[in-house]
Amino acid sequence: MTAEKYQVLKRQRPWRSAYYYQKSEVLYQLTYVFCKRFLPAHGDRTVDQMIQAARSGKQNIIEGTEDGVTSTEMHMKLINVARSSLQELREDYRDYLLSRNLSIWTVSHGRYQKMHDYCRKHNLVEDYQRFFETWNDEEFANVALTLCYMTDALLNKCLKGLEVEFLEKGGIKERMHAARTGFRQMQDQEMERLRHLAEQQTAEIERLKGLLEKHGIEAV
């Protein structure tokens, strides 16, 4: 048994390889290009709101994962903030489509399934960049909507995992208490082992002394 068993700080999750982070990064880059191509450069607050919402989603995933080393509660809180930001972004894309009488692609739409499959299988910015200058606004917005829904589902799954972890292991206070208690128990067990070993060695010394006396040899 070692002290490593009683860790206070959790191992940091590799957020760059998490699909929900990768998709959020795609959403940020996609949103930035969308706003530059299809929304006015000045006089429309929607531009700043959409870019900020996309950035907030991505950045809060990073910050939540970093803070999660010490605080499961903070990790959960910031993942929730990321979800809220991306839900806000999703509504902006819906509003754009609806206000311009453009189609929101559902299962019955002829291009929905192909788009859905592509977004599910592809998570990196470079998978989408080649389309940034060729998609029209309807295509852009529907891909973004799909990515928003998928990222939200992945973040929700992450939250459920964090909730289970919190219920089973508690927050940092509980881990600190468990670490202190466990380490003291480990020290007590080690002291008991050493005491027992000393008793065995003392008994062996006495046995050897007896053998020496039996053969008339004086113990040094």
Protein backbone atom coordinates (compact mmCIF):
# COMPACT_ATOMS: atom_id res chain seq x y z
CA MET A 1 0.00 0.00 0.00
CA THR A 2 1.40 3.41 -0.94
CA ALA A 3 0.52 7.07 -0.40
CA GLU A 4 -0.36 7.34 -4.11
CA LYS A 5 -3.65 5.62 -3.33
CA TYR A 6 -4.77 8.67 -1.35
CA GLN A 7 -4.60 11.40 -3.99
CA VAL A 8 -6.18 14.79 -3.36
CA LEU A 9 -5.66 16.16 -6.87
CA LYS A 10 -7.32 14.31 -9.73
CA ARG A 11 -5.59 13.45 -12.95
CA GLN A 12 -6.24 16.04 -15.62
CA ARG A 13 -8.44 14.88 -18.48
CA PRO A 14 -6.92 15.23 -21.98
CA TRP A 15 -9.39 17.86 -23.20
CA ARG A 16 -7.82 18.31 -26.64
CA SER A 17 -8.72 14.74 -27.59
CA ALA A 18 -12.27 14.96 -26.22
CA TYR A 19 -14.84 14.98 -29.03
CA TYR A 20 -16.94 17.65 -27.32
CA TYR A 21 -13.94 19.98 -27.23
CA GLN A 22 -12.99 19.27 -30.83
CA LYS A 23 -16.53 19.93 -32.03
CA SER A 24 -16.68 23.14 -29.99
CA GLU A 25 -13.48 24.30 -31.68
CA VAL A 26 -15.04 23.60 -35.09
CA LEU A 27 -18.09 25.60 -34.02
CA TYR A 28 -15.96 28.58 -33.06
CA GLN A 29 -14.05 28.64 -36.34
CA LEU A 30 -17.19 27.98 -38.37
CA THR A 31 -19.10 30.74 -36.56
CA TYR A 32 -16.31 33.24 -37.07
CA VAL A 33 -16.32 32.65 -40.83
CA PHE A 34 -20.14 32.58 -40.98
CA CYS A 35 -20.41 35.97 -39.30
CA LYS A 36 -17.78 37.51 -41.57
CA ARG A 37 -19.44 36.18 -44.70
CA PHE A 38 -23.14 36.57 -44.01
CA LEU A 39 -23.66 39.22 -41.32
CA PRO A 40 -22.93 42.95 -41.55
CA ALA A 41 -19.56 44.08 -40.29
CA HIS A 42 -21.08 46.97 -38.33
CA GLY A 43 -24.31 47.74 -36.58
CA ASP A 44 -25.41 44.19 -35.79
CA ARG A 45 -24.81 42.98 -32.25
CA THR A 46 -25.57 39.44 -33.34
CA VAL A 47 -22.05 39.13 -34.74
CA ASP A 48 -20.37 39.76 -31.39
CA GLN A 49 -22.94 37.66 -29.55
CA MET A 50 -22.51 34.62 -31.80
CA ILE A 51 -18.70 34.74 -31.82
CA GLN A 52 -18.61 35.26 -28.07
CA ALA A 53 -21.05 32.40 -27.45
CA ALA A 54 -18.98 30.06 -29.63
CA ARG A 55 -15.77 31.14 -27.89
CA SER A 56 -17.36 30.78 -24.45
CA GLY A 57 -18.38 27.22 -25.23
CA LYS A 58 -14.86 26.26 -26.21
CA GLN A 59 -13.04 28.17 -23.47
CA ASN A 60 -15.25 26.96 -20.63
CA ILE A 61 -14.57 23.36 -21.62
CA ILE A 62 -10.84 24.07 -21.30
CA GLU A 63 -11.17 25.99 -18.03
CA GLY A 64 -13.53 23.43 -16.56
CA THR A 65 -11.16 20.58 -17.35
CA GLU A 66 -8.20 22.47 -15.91
CA ASP A 67 -10.10 23.40 -12.73
CA GLY A 68 -11.41 19.84 -12.50
CA VAL A 69 -8.01 18.75 -11.19
CA THR A 70 -8.97 20.25 -7.84
CA SER A 71 -12.74 20.73 -8.02
CA THR A 72 -15.33 18.42 -9.54
CA GLU A 73 -17.96 21.01 -8.62
CA MET A 74 -16.21 23.73 -10.64
CA HIS A 75 -15.73 21.33 -13.54
CA MET A 76 -19.47 20.62 -13.59
CA LYS A 77 -20.32 24.31 -13.29
CA LEU A 78 -18.11 25.35 -16.22
CA ILE A 79 -19.29 22.48 -18.43
CA ASN A 80 -22.81 23.75 -17.76
CA VAL A 81 -21.70 27.25 -18.76
CA ALA A 82 -20.27 25.79 -21.98
CA ARG A 83 -23.58 24.06 -22.67
CA SER A 84 -25.53 27.27 -22.06
CA SER A 85 -23.27 29.22 -24.40
CA LEU A 86 -23.65 26.67 -27.20
CA GLN A 87 -27.42 26.54 -26.66
CA GLU A 88 -27.48 30.31 -27.09
CA LEU A 89 -25.43 29.94 -30.27
CA ARG A 90 -27.82 27.27 -31.51
CA GLU A 91 -30.77 29.64 -31.10
CA ASP A 92 -28.95 32.35 -33.03
CA TYR A 93 -28.49 29.99 -35.96
CA ARG A 94 -32.16 28.93 -35.78
CA ASP A 95 -33.24 32.56 -35.70
CA TYR A 96 -31.07 33.35 -38.71
CA LEU A 97 -32.67 30.57 -40.75
CA LEU A 98 -36.23 31.32 -39.66
CA SER A 99 -35.99 35.09 -40.14
CA ARG A 100 -34.77 34.62 -43.71
CA ASN A 101 -37.23 31.86 -44.66
CA LEU A 102 -34.39 29.35 -45.06
CA SER A 103 -34.85 25.65 -44.31
CA ILE A 104 -33.96 23.98 -41.05
CA TRP A 105 -32.89 20.54 -42.20
CA THR A 106 -34.73 17.77 -40.39
CA VAL A 107 -34.75 14.00 -40.94
CA SER A 108 -37.15 14.42 -43.87
CA HIS A 109 -34.80 16.79 -45.71
CA GLY A 110 -32.89 15.20 -48.58
CA ARG A 111 -29.49 16.40 -47.33
CA TYR A 112 -30.00 15.86 -43.62
CA GLN A 113 -28.64 12.32 -43.25
CA LYS A 114 -25.44 12.94 -45.20
CA MET A 115 -24.78 16.10 -43.20
CA HIS A 116 -25.56 14.35 -39.92
CA ASP A 117 -23.23 11.44 -40.69
CA TYR A 118 -20.42 13.79 -41.69
CA CYS A 119 -20.71 15.86 -38.50
CA ARG A 120 -20.85 12.73 -36.35
CA LYS A 121 -17.69 11.25 -37.86
CA HIS A 122 -15.61 14.42 -38.26
CA ASN A 123 -14.38 16.43 -35.30
CA LEU A 124 -11.44 18.52 -36.48
CA VAL A 125 -11.42 22.03 -37.92
CA GLU A 126 -9.47 20.87 -40.98
CA ASP A 127 -12.33 18.50 -41.83
CA TYR A 128 -14.57 21.52 -42.42
CA GLN A 129 -12.25 24.27 -43.61
CA ARG A 130 -12.45 23.27 -47.27
CA PHE A 131 -16.17 24.13 -47.20
CA PHE A 132 -15.84 27.52 -45.50
CA GLU A 133 -15.74 29.50 -48.74
CA THR A 134 -18.21 27.37 -50.73
CA TRP A 135 -21.14 26.71 -48.39
CA ASN A 136 -24.04 29.13 -48.62
CA ASP A 137 -25.62 30.51 -45.47
CA GLU A 138 -28.27 27.78 -45.25
CA GLU A 139 -25.64 25.06 -45.43
CA PHE A 140 -23.42 26.82 -42.89
CA ALA A 141 -26.23 27.33 -40.40
CA ASN A 142 -27.56 23.78 -40.63
CA VAL A 143 -24.12 22.26 -40.13
CA ALA A 144 -23.63 24.55 -37.14
CA LEU A 145 -27.02 23.56 -35.71
CA THR A 146 -26.14 19.89 -36.06
CA LEU A 147 -22.78 20.39 -34.35
CA CYS A 148 -24.47 22.34 -31.54
CA TYR A 149 -26.87 19.47 -30.87
CA MET A 150 -24.13 16.86 -31.01
CA THR A 151 -21.78 18.81 -28.75
CA ASP A 152 -24.57 19.40 -26.26
CA ALA A 153 -25.29 15.66 -26.12
CA LEU A 154 -21.61 14.90 -25.53
CA LEU A 155 -21.32 17.56 -22.81
CA ASN A 156 -24.44 16.21 -21.13
CA LYS A 157 -22.86 12.75 -21.09
CA CYS A 158 -19.72 14.26 -19.57
CA LEU A 159 -21.81 15.96 -16.87
CA LYS A 160 -23.52 12.70 -15.95
CA GLY A 161 -20.12 11.06 -15.56
CA LEU A 162 -18.92 13.92 -13.35
CA GLU A 163 -22.08 13.65 -11.26
CA VAL A 164 -21.47 9.95 -10.63
CA GLU A 165 -17.84 10.69 -9.77
CA PHE A 166 -18.87 13.41 -7.32
CA LEU A 167 -21.43 11.17 -5.61
CA GLU A 168 -18.91 8.34 -5.28
CA LYS A 169 -15.78 10.30 -4.33
CA GLY A 170 -17.04 13.71 -3.24
CA GLY A 171 -15.31 17.03 -3.77
CA ILE A 172 -11.87 18.16 -2.73
CA LYS A 173 -12.79 18.38 0.97
CA GLU A 174 -13.90 14.77 0.96
CA ARG A 175 -10.78 13.70 -0.94
CA MET A 176 -8.55 15.61 1.50
CA HIS A 177 -10.26 13.93 4.44
CA ALA A 178 -9.95 10.52 2.79
CA ALA A 179 -6.29 11.21 2.02
CA ARG A 180 -5.49 12.25 5.60
CA THR A 181 -7.43 9.34 7.08
CA GLY A 182 -6.01 6.83 4.63
CA PHE A 183 -2.45 8.03 5.12
CA ARG A 184 -2.77 7.79 8.91
CA GLN A 185 -4.14 4.28 8.55
CA MET A 186 -1.23 3.40 6.30
CA GLN A 187 1.24 4.76 8.87
CA ASP A 188 -0.47 2.82 11.67
CA GLN A 189 -0.31 -0.37 9.63
CA GLU A 190 3.37 0.21 8.91
CA MET A 191 4.09 0.80 12.61
CA GLU A 192 2.24 -2.39 13.48
CA ARG A 193 4.24 -4.30 10.87
CA LEU A 194 7.53 -2.97 12.23
CA ARG A 195 6.49 -3.78 15.82
CA HIS A 196 5.63 -7.33 14.84
CA LEU A 197 8.92 -7.65 12.95
CA ALA A 198 10.85 -6.40 16.01
CA GLU A 199 9.09 -8.96 18.21
CA GLN A 200 10.02 -11.72 15.76
CA GLN A 201 13.64 -10.58 15.72
CA THR A 202 13.78 -10.42 19.51
CA ALA A 203 12.36 -13.92 19.76
CA GLU A 204 14.91 -15.18 17.21
CA ILE A 205 17.76 -13.60 19.16
CA GLU A 206 16.58 -15.31 22.34
CA ARG A 207 16.33 -18.61 20.50
CA LEU A 208 19.87 -18.29 19.19
CA LYS A 209 21.16 -17.38 22.66
CA GLY A 210 19.56 -20.54 24.00
CA LEU A 211 21.29 -22.65 21.37
CA LEU A 212 24.66 -21.08 22.19
CA GLU A 213 24.22 -21.71 25.92
CA LYS A 214 23.20 -25.31 25.22
CA HIS A 215 26.50 -25.89 23.43
CA GLY A 216 28.53 -24.04 26.03
CA ILE A 217 29.28 -21.09 23.82
CA GLU A 218 29.14 -17.70 25.43
CA ALA A 219 27.10 -15.16 23.47
CA VAL A 220 29.00 -11.97 22.65
